[in-house]
Amino acid sequence: MKNLSELNNRPQPFQESIFNQLFDVAEIANFSPSEQDNYQNSLKYYRDMNNIVETSRQEGLQEGLKQGREEGAQRERALILRLLSRSLGEIPSELQQQISELSLEQLEGLSQACLDFSNLDDLRAWLNKTQE
């Protein structure tokens, strides 16, 4: 065990993962103090870079999800406005503005309720009730 780090070729019985780790530790333990410092600094740099990449990946994923939700909500608003225009006629701009300010959950409620509207007053009443 004392001379593990000096072996160039590892014997076949020592080829398993646990022994590979043991050989690596023995090799590192044999480093001179300056090599140990360099190794530790290199390891710290590697871990820092790994953390930066992982943090960036997570932030990118969150940003992508947020953007996807916003685009989905915009498409849902456009679809609801088309449905309402088809069934009720021209939708006044103030009602369009109110619809554009609805949350995703409120848009889902409006998409279900819009089939029950027979005129613009029904839509106004629903929007007023939602904003209360």
N, C-alpha and C. Protein backbone atom coordinates (compact mmCIF):
# COMPACT_ATOMS: atom_id res chain seq x y z
N MET A 1 0.83 -1.19 0.00
CA MET A 1 0.00 0.00 0.00
C MET A 1 0.87 1.26 0.00
N LYS A 2 1.99 1.16 0.66
CA LYS A 2 2.88 2.30 0.80
C LYS A 2 3.41 2.78 -0.56
N ASN A 3 3.59 1.87 -1.50
CA ASN A 3 4.18 2.19 -2.79
C ASN A 3 3.16 2.22 -3.93
N LEU A 4 1.91 2.35 -3.61
CA LEU A 4 0.86 2.35 -4.64
C LEU A 4 1.07 3.44 -5.68
N SER A 5 1.47 4.60 -5.24
CA SER A 5 1.60 5.72 -6.18
C SER A 5 2.75 5.52 -7.15
N GLU A 6 3.65 4.62 -6.86
CA GLU A 6 4.81 4.40 -7.72
C GLU A 6 4.54 3.36 -8.80
N LEU A 7 3.44 2.65 -8.73
CA LEU A 7 3.12 1.64 -9.74
C LEU A 7 2.71 2.33 -11.04
N ASN A 8 3.32 1.91 -12.14
CA ASN A 8 2.93 2.45 -13.45
C ASN A 8 1.71 1.71 -14.01
N ASN A 9 1.74 0.39 -13.92
CA ASN A 9 0.62 -0.43 -14.39
C ASN A 9 -0.01 -1.12 -13.20
N ARG A 10 -1.27 -0.95 -13.06
CA ARG A 10 -1.96 -1.55 -11.93
C ARG A 10 -2.27 -3.02 -12.24
N PRO A 11 -2.05 -3.90 -11.27
CA PRO A 11 -2.36 -5.32 -11.48
C PRO A 11 -3.86 -5.51 -11.74
N GLN A 12 -4.20 -6.54 -12.47
CA GLN A 12 -5.59 -6.80 -12.87
C GLN A 12 -6.56 -6.83 -11.69
N PRO A 13 -6.22 -7.45 -10.56
CA PRO A 13 -7.18 -7.45 -9.45
C PRO A 13 -7.49 -6.06 -8.89
N PHE A 14 -6.62 -5.07 -9.22
CA PHE A 14 -6.80 -3.71 -8.71
C PHE A 14 -7.38 -2.77 -9.76
N GLN A 15 -8.13 -3.27 -10.73
CA GLN A 15 -8.69 -2.44 -11.79
C GLN A 15 -10.11 -1.94 -11.47
N GLU A 16 -10.67 -2.35 -10.38
CA GLU A 16 -12.03 -1.92 -10.02
C GLU A 16 -12.05 -0.44 -9.63
N SER A 17 -13.23 0.13 -9.64
CA SER A 17 -13.41 1.56 -9.38
C SER A 17 -12.86 1.99 -8.02
N ILE A 18 -13.11 1.21 -7.02
CA ILE A 18 -12.67 1.57 -5.67
C ILE A 18 -11.14 1.62 -5.60
N PHE A 19 -10.49 0.70 -6.30
CA PHE A 19 -9.03 0.70 -6.31
C PHE A 19 -8.49 1.86 -7.14
N ASN A 20 -9.20 2.21 -8.21
CA ASN A 20 -8.78 3.37 -9.01
C ASN A 20 -8.80 4.63 -8.15
N GLN A 21 -9.83 4.77 -7.33
CA GLN A 21 -9.91 5.92 -6.43
C GLN A 21 -8.76 5.88 -5.41
N LEU A 22 -8.46 4.70 -4.93
CA LEU A 22 -7.37 4.54 -3.97
C LEU A 22 -6.04 4.94 -4.59
N PHE A 23 -5.80 4.52 -5.82
CA PHE A 23 -4.57 4.89 -6.52
C PHE A 23 -4.50 6.41 -6.72
N ASP A 24 -5.63 7.01 -7.08
CA ASP A 24 -5.65 8.47 -7.27
C ASP A 24 -5.32 9.21 -5.98
N VAL A 25 -5.90 8.76 -4.88
CA VAL A 25 -5.64 9.39 -3.59
C VAL A 25 -4.16 9.22 -3.20
N ALA A 26 -3.64 8.02 -3.46
CA ALA A 26 -2.22 7.77 -3.13
C ALA A 26 -1.32 8.67 -3.96
N GLU A 27 -1.67 8.87 -5.22
CA GLU A 27 -0.87 9.73 -6.10
C GLU A 27 -0.89 11.17 -5.61
N ILE A 28 -2.07 11.65 -5.22
CA ILE A 28 -2.21 13.02 -4.73
C ILE A 28 -1.47 13.19 -3.40
N ALA A 29 -1.51 12.17 -2.56
CA ALA A 29 -0.84 12.24 -1.26
C ALA A 29 0.68 12.33 -1.44
N ASN A 30 1.16 11.85 -2.56
CA ASN A 30 2.60 11.87 -2.83
C ASN A 30 3.08 13.19 -3.44
N PHE A 31 2.19 14.12 -3.69
CA PHE A 31 2.57 15.41 -4.27
C PHE A 31 3.44 16.19 -3.30
N SER A 32 4.32 16.99 -3.85
CA SER A 32 5.10 17.91 -3.02
C SER A 32 4.16 19.02 -2.54
N PRO A 33 4.58 19.79 -1.54
CA PRO A 33 3.69 20.87 -1.05
C PRO A 33 3.25 21.84 -2.14
N SER A 34 4.16 22.20 -3.05
CA SER A 34 3.75 23.14 -4.12
C SER A 34 2.80 22.46 -5.10
N GLU A 35 3.02 21.16 -5.38
CA GLU A 35 2.10 20.43 -6.25
C GLU A 35 0.73 20.30 -5.58
N GLN A 36 0.73 20.09 -4.26
CA GLN A 36 -0.53 20.01 -3.51
C GLN A 36 -1.28 21.32 -3.62
N ASP A 37 -0.57 22.45 -3.45
CA ASP A 37 -1.21 23.77 -3.57
C ASP A 37 -1.78 23.97 -4.98
N ASN A 38 -0.96 23.63 -5.98
CA ASN A 38 -1.43 23.76 -7.36
C ASN A 38 -2.66 22.89 -7.61
N TYR A 39 -2.62 21.67 -7.09
CA TYR A 39 -3.75 20.76 -7.26
C TYR A 39 -5.00 21.33 -6.59
N GLN A 40 -4.86 21.80 -5.36
CA GLN A 40 -6.01 22.35 -4.64
C GLN A 40 -6.57 23.59 -5.35
N ASN A 41 -5.67 24.45 -5.84
CA ASN A 41 -6.11 25.64 -6.58
C ASN A 41 -6.82 25.25 -7.87
N SER A 42 -6.28 24.26 -8.55
CA SER A 42 -6.90 23.77 -9.78
C SER A 42 -8.28 23.18 -9.49
N LEU A 43 -8.37 22.41 -8.42
CA LEU A 43 -9.64 21.81 -8.03
C LEU A 43 -10.66 22.89 -7.65
N LYS A 44 -10.21 23.92 -6.93
CA LYS A 44 -11.10 25.02 -6.56
C LYS A 44 -11.58 25.76 -7.81
N TYR A 45 -10.67 26.02 -8.74
CA TYR A 45 -11.04 26.69 -9.99
C TYR A 45 -12.06 25.86 -10.77
N TYR A 46 -11.82 24.56 -10.85
CA TYR A 46 -12.74 23.66 -11.55
C TYR A 46 -14.13 23.70 -10.91
N ARG A 47 -14.18 23.62 -9.60
CA ARG A 47 -15.47 23.64 -8.90
C ARG A 47 -16.18 24.99 -9.07
N ASP A 48 -15.41 26.08 -9.01
CA ASP A 48 -16.00 27.41 -9.22
C ASP A 48 -16.61 27.51 -10.62
N MET A 49 -15.85 27.07 -11.62
CA MET A 49 -16.35 27.13 -12.99
C MET A 49 -17.58 26.23 -13.17
N ASN A 50 -17.55 25.08 -12.55
CA ASN A 50 -18.69 24.17 -12.61
C ASN A 50 -19.93 24.82 -11.99
N ASN A 51 -19.75 25.49 -10.86
CA ASN A 51 -20.86 26.18 -10.22
C ASN A 51 -21.39 27.32 -11.08
N ILE A 52 -20.48 28.05 -11.72
CA ILE A 52 -20.90 29.15 -12.60
C ILE A 52 -21.73 28.61 -13.75
N VAL A 53 -21.27 27.53 -14.37
CA VAL A 53 -21.99 26.94 -15.49
C VAL A 53 -23.36 26.43 -15.04
N GLU A 54 -23.40 25.76 -13.90
CA GLU A 54 -24.68 25.22 -13.40
C GLU A 54 -25.65 26.34 -13.05
N THR A 55 -25.15 27.40 -12.42
CA THR A 55 -25.99 28.55 -12.09
C THR A 55 -26.52 29.21 -13.36
N SER A 56 -25.66 29.37 -14.34
CA SER A 56 -26.09 29.96 -15.62
C SER A 56 -27.13 29.08 -16.29
N ARG A 57 -26.93 27.79 -16.24
CA ARG A 57 -27.89 26.86 -16.84
C ARG A 57 -29.26 26.99 -16.15
N GLN A 58 -29.25 27.04 -14.83
CA GLN A 58 -30.50 27.17 -14.08
C GLN A 58 -31.20 28.49 -14.38
N GLU A 59 -30.41 29.57 -14.43
CA GLU A 59 -30.99 30.89 -14.73
C GLU A 59 -31.56 30.90 -16.14
N GLY A 60 -30.85 30.29 -17.09
CA GLY A 60 -31.34 30.21 -18.46
C GLY A 60 -32.62 29.41 -18.55
N LEU A 61 -32.68 28.31 -17.82
CA LEU A 61 -33.89 27.49 -17.80
C LEU A 61 -35.07 28.27 -17.23
N GLN A 62 -34.84 28.97 -16.12
CA GLN A 62 -35.91 29.76 -15.51
C GLN A 62 -36.39 30.86 -16.46
N GLU A 63 -35.43 31.52 -17.12
CA GLU A 63 -35.78 32.59 -18.07
C GLU A 63 -36.58 32.01 -19.24
N GLY A 64 -36.16 30.84 -19.73
CA GLY A 64 -36.88 30.20 -20.83
C GLY A 64 -38.30 29.81 -20.43
N LEU A 65 -38.46 29.29 -19.23
CA LEU A 65 -39.80 28.93 -18.75
C LEU A 65 -40.69 30.16 -18.62
N LYS A 66 -40.11 31.23 -18.08
CA LYS A 66 -40.87 32.47 -17.93
C LYS A 66 -41.29 33.01 -19.29
N GLN A 67 -40.36 33.01 -20.23
CA GLN A 67 -40.66 33.50 -21.57
C GLN A 67 -41.72 32.62 -22.24
N GLY A 68 -41.62 31.32 -22.05
CA GLY A 68 -42.60 30.41 -22.62
C GLY A 68 -44.00 30.64 -22.05
N ARG A 69 -44.08 30.89 -20.74
CA ARG A 69 -45.38 31.18 -20.12
C ARG A 69 -45.97 32.47 -20.68
N GLU A 70 -45.10 33.48 -20.82
CA GLU A 70 -45.58 34.77 -21.34
C GLU A 70 -46.08 34.62 -22.78
N GLU A 71 -45.35 33.88 -23.60
CA GLU A 71 -45.78 33.67 -24.98
C GLU A 71 -47.08 32.87 -25.03
N GLY A 72 -47.20 31.88 -24.16
CA GLY A 72 -48.42 31.10 -24.08
C GLY A 72 -49.61 31.96 -23.68
N ALA A 73 -49.40 32.83 -22.72
CA ALA A 73 -50.48 33.72 -22.28
C ALA A 73 -50.87 34.68 -23.40
N GLN A 74 -49.89 35.19 -24.16
CA GLN A 74 -50.20 36.09 -25.28
C GLN A 74 -51.02 35.36 -26.34
N ARG A 75 -50.64 34.11 -26.63
CA ARG A 75 -51.40 33.34 -27.62
C ARG A 75 -52.82 33.08 -27.13
N GLU A 76 -52.94 32.77 -25.83
CA GLU A 76 -54.27 32.51 -25.28
C GLU A 76 -55.13 33.78 -25.33
N ARG A 77 -54.55 34.93 -25.02
CA ARG A 77 -55.29 36.20 -25.11
C ARG A 77 -55.78 36.44 -26.54
N ALA A 78 -54.88 36.22 -27.50
CA ALA A 78 -55.24 36.45 -28.91
C ALA A 78 -56.36 35.50 -29.33
N LEU A 79 -56.29 34.26 -28.91
CA LEU A 79 -57.32 33.29 -29.26
C LEU A 79 -58.66 33.67 -28.63
N ILE A 80 -58.64 34.06 -27.38
CA ILE A 80 -59.88 34.46 -26.70
C ILE A 80 -60.48 35.69 -27.38
N LEU A 81 -59.64 36.66 -27.73
CA LEU A 81 -60.16 37.85 -28.41
C LEU A 81 -60.79 37.49 -29.76
N ARG A 82 -60.18 36.54 -30.49
CA ARG A 82 -60.77 36.10 -31.76
C ARG A 82 -62.11 35.42 -31.53
N LEU A 83 -62.16 34.57 -30.50
CA LEU A 83 -63.43 33.89 -30.20
C LEU A 83 -64.52 34.88 -29.80
N LEU A 84 -64.13 35.83 -28.95
CA LEU A 84 -65.11 36.83 -28.52
C LEU A 84 -65.56 37.69 -29.70
N SER A 85 -64.64 38.08 -30.57
CA SER A 85 -65.00 38.89 -31.74
C SER A 85 -65.95 38.13 -32.65
N ARG A 86 -65.71 36.85 -32.79
CA ARG A 86 -66.60 36.04 -33.64
C ARG A 86 -68.00 35.92 -33.07
N SER A 87 -68.08 35.77 -31.77
CA SER A 87 -69.41 35.56 -31.17
C SER A 87 -70.10 36.86 -30.78
N LEU A 88 -69.34 37.92 -30.44
CA LEU A 88 -69.95 39.15 -29.95
C LEU A 88 -69.76 40.34 -30.89
N GLY A 89 -68.94 40.19 -31.90
CA GLY A 89 -68.65 41.31 -32.79
C GLY A 89 -67.40 42.05 -32.32
N GLU A 90 -67.24 43.26 -32.81
CA GLU A 90 -66.07 44.08 -32.48
C GLU A 90 -65.96 44.29 -30.97
N ILE A 91 -64.78 43.99 -30.42
CA ILE A 91 -64.53 44.15 -28.98
C ILE A 91 -63.92 45.53 -28.77
N PRO A 92 -64.56 46.38 -27.97
CA PRO A 92 -64.02 47.73 -27.72
C PRO A 92 -62.62 47.67 -27.11
N SER A 93 -61.85 48.70 -27.38
CA SER A 93 -60.45 48.72 -26.94
C SER A 93 -60.32 48.67 -25.42
N GLU A 94 -61.25 49.29 -24.68
CA GLU A 94 -61.13 49.25 -23.21
C GLU A 94 -61.32 47.82 -22.69
N LEU A 95 -62.18 47.04 -23.34
CA LEU A 95 -62.34 45.65 -22.94
C LEU A 95 -61.11 44.83 -23.34
N GLN A 96 -60.56 45.12 -24.51
CA GLN A 96 -59.34 44.44 -24.94
C GLN A 96 -58.21 44.73 -23.94
N GLN A 97 -58.14 45.96 -23.46
CA GLN A 97 -57.12 46.34 -22.48
C GLN A 97 -57.31 45.55 -21.18
N GLN A 98 -58.56 45.44 -20.73
CA GLN A 98 -58.83 44.69 -19.50
C GLN A 98 -58.44 43.22 -19.68
N ILE A 99 -58.74 42.67 -20.85
CA ILE A 99 -58.39 41.28 -21.11
C ILE A 99 -56.88 41.10 -21.13
N SER A 100 -56.15 42.07 -21.67
CA SER A 100 -54.69 41.96 -21.75
C SER A 100 -54.03 42.01 -20.37
N GLU A 101 -54.75 42.50 -19.38
CA GLU A 101 -54.19 42.59 -18.03
C GLU A 101 -54.54 41.38 -17.15
N LEU A 102 -55.31 40.43 -17.70
CA LEU A 102 -55.70 39.26 -16.92
C LEU A 102 -54.54 38.30 -16.72
N SER A 103 -54.53 37.64 -15.58
CA SER A 103 -53.52 36.62 -15.31
C SER A 103 -53.86 35.37 -16.12
N LEU A 104 -52.94 34.44 -16.13
CA LEU A 104 -53.14 33.20 -16.87
C LEU A 104 -54.35 32.43 -16.33
N GLU A 105 -54.51 32.39 -15.03
CA GLU A 105 -55.65 31.69 -14.42
C GLU A 105 -56.96 32.38 -14.81
N GLN A 106 -56.95 33.71 -14.80
CA GLN A 106 -58.15 34.45 -15.19
C GLN A 106 -58.46 34.24 -16.67
N LEU A 107 -57.42 34.16 -17.50
CA LEU A 107 -57.63 33.89 -18.93
C LEU A 107 -58.28 32.53 -19.13
N GLU A 108 -57.86 31.56 -18.36
CA GLU A 108 -58.46 30.23 -18.46
C GLU A 108 -59.93 30.28 -18.06
N GLY A 109 -60.24 31.05 -17.03
CA GLY A 109 -61.64 31.23 -16.63
C GLY A 109 -62.45 31.92 -17.72
N LEU A 110 -61.85 32.94 -18.34
CA LEU A 110 -62.53 33.66 -19.42
C LEU A 110 -62.76 32.75 -20.62
N SER A 111 -61.80 31.90 -20.93
CA SER A 111 -61.96 31.00 -22.07
C SER A 111 -63.14 30.06 -21.87
N GLN A 112 -63.40 29.66 -20.63
CA GLN A 112 -64.55 28.80 -20.35
C GLN A 112 -65.85 29.61 -20.33
N ALA A 113 -65.78 30.82 -19.77
CA ALA A 113 -66.99 31.64 -19.64
C ALA A 113 -67.42 32.26 -20.96
N CYS A 114 -66.49 32.46 -21.88
CA CYS A 114 -66.82 33.19 -23.11
C CYS A 114 -67.88 32.47 -23.94
N LEU A 115 -68.02 31.18 -23.78
CA LEU A 115 -69.05 30.44 -24.51
C LEU A 115 -70.45 30.78 -24.01
N ASP A 116 -70.55 31.30 -22.81
CA ASP A 116 -71.85 31.65 -22.22
C ASP A 116 -72.26 33.09 -22.48
N PHE A 117 -71.37 33.91 -23.04
CA PHE A 117 -71.68 35.32 -23.28
C PHE A 117 -72.58 35.45 -24.50
N SER A 118 -73.63 36.26 -24.34
CA SER A 118 -74.51 36.50 -25.50
C SER A 118 -74.33 37.92 -26.04
N ASN A 119 -73.71 38.80 -25.23
CA ASN A 119 -73.46 40.17 -25.69
C ASN A 119 -72.27 40.77 -24.93
N LEU A 120 -71.90 41.99 -25.32
CA LEU A 120 -70.75 42.64 -24.69
C LEU A 120 -70.98 42.95 -23.22
N ASP A 121 -72.25 43.15 -22.83
CA ASP A 121 -72.53 43.41 -21.42
C ASP A 121 -72.19 42.21 -20.55
N ASP A 122 -72.39 40.99 -21.07
CA ASP A 122 -72.01 39.79 -20.32
C ASP A 122 -70.50 39.77 -20.10
N LEU A 123 -69.75 40.14 -21.15
CA LEU A 123 -68.29 40.19 -21.04
C LEU A 123 -67.87 41.25 -20.03
N ARG A 124 -68.49 42.44 -20.11
CA ARG A 124 -68.16 43.52 -19.15
C ARG A 124 -68.44 43.08 -17.72
N ALA A 125 -69.59 42.44 -17.52
CA ALA A 125 -69.95 41.98 -16.18
C ALA A 125 -68.93 40.96 -15.65
N TRP A 126 -68.52 40.05 -16.52
CA TRP A 126 -67.54 39.04 -16.11
C TRP A 126 -66.21 39.71 -15.75
N LEU A 127 -65.76 40.63 -16.58
CA LEU A 127 -64.50 41.33 -16.31
C LEU A 127 -64.57 42.14 -15.03
N ASN A 128 -65.69 42.84 -14.81
CA ASN A 128 -65.84 43.62 -13.58
C ASN A 128 -65.85 42.72 -12.36
N LYS A 129 -66.54 41.59 -12.47
CA LYS A 129 -66.60 40.63 -11.36
C LYS A 129 -65.20 40.07 -11.06
N THR A 130 -64.42 39.84 -12.08
CA THR A 130 -63.07 39.29 -11.92
C THR A 130 -62.13 40.29 -11.27
N GLN A 131 -62.31 41.57 -11.57
CA GLN A 131 -61.41 42.58 -11.04
C GLN A 131 -61.74 42.97 -9.59
N GLU A 132 -62.84 42.55 -9.10
CA GLU A 132 -63.22 42.89 -7.71
C GLU A 132 -62.42 42.12 -6.71
